[in-house]
Amino acid sequence: MDTGTGYAMCITVNRELNRDPTQTISLRMQFEGDASRRFRNIKGQIRDVLIDADALGLRTNRDSAGVSDRAFDFPRSADKVEAFMAWLKKATNSEILEVTEGVPLSQAANRAWMNTYIRRSYRKGVTHAATRMRKAGATVGERWIDAAFNRPIHADRLGLIFTRTFSELEGITQTMDSQISRVLAQGIGEGIGPLDMARQINERVDKIGITRARVLARSETISSHAE
């Protein structure tokens, strides 16, 4: 990074901090970055499956030399779509939701990767509350802040936020998958190649998955601080 770019980024962050009394901009950016990275990993897997492996058999015979793994190349288009979507659901469950077979969703919500950011934002809220209490004349020590998470009211609130965030992220993946299914069926019907298919599907990952996940990261960070 050159000096000018670094200086511009510092100015941007400082402006955001001035507009953000919660001072969670850095945490929100980390949350957004983690969410975006996970969806980009899905995009990479989609390219590998559709282009490198040609799993749907979308290449012409002339272009198919050396391709051996056509896991979803069924005679019927509907079967191709079903097989690919089953694979995609498994991939998103693993990469985005971190859900494994046999684990109830309630347990997955309490173990989810995004909870780290939610917990840190909630702690910031408790810390800011303690600061306001001190300014009002109360005696509030660090042990009070640390003990907050052991109090039932805070544990219950955090649990609800964990579940809500997980459910909203799950909803994002479901909406994304629904649109991808339509793109896939239409693309197969039109006979497009693997490059175009991967591009069109990954556009849905960008516009639905990444865009909405970043909004979710921002809103849930601020919301958990407010709680």
Foldseek 3Di string as FASTA:
>chain_A
DDPVVVVVVVVVLVVVCVVDVLNCPVLLVVQLVLQLVLLVVLLVVLCCCCPVQVLCVLDDPVPCPPRDHNVLPDPDLVSSLVVVLVVSVVSCCCRPQVDDPPDDVLVSLVVGPSLVSLVVLLLSLLVVVVVVVVVVPDDDDPVNSVCVCVDPVNVVVSSVLSSVLSVVLVVLVVVLSVVLSVLSSVCVVVSDGSVVNSVVSSVSSVVRRSVVSSVSSVVSSVVSSVD
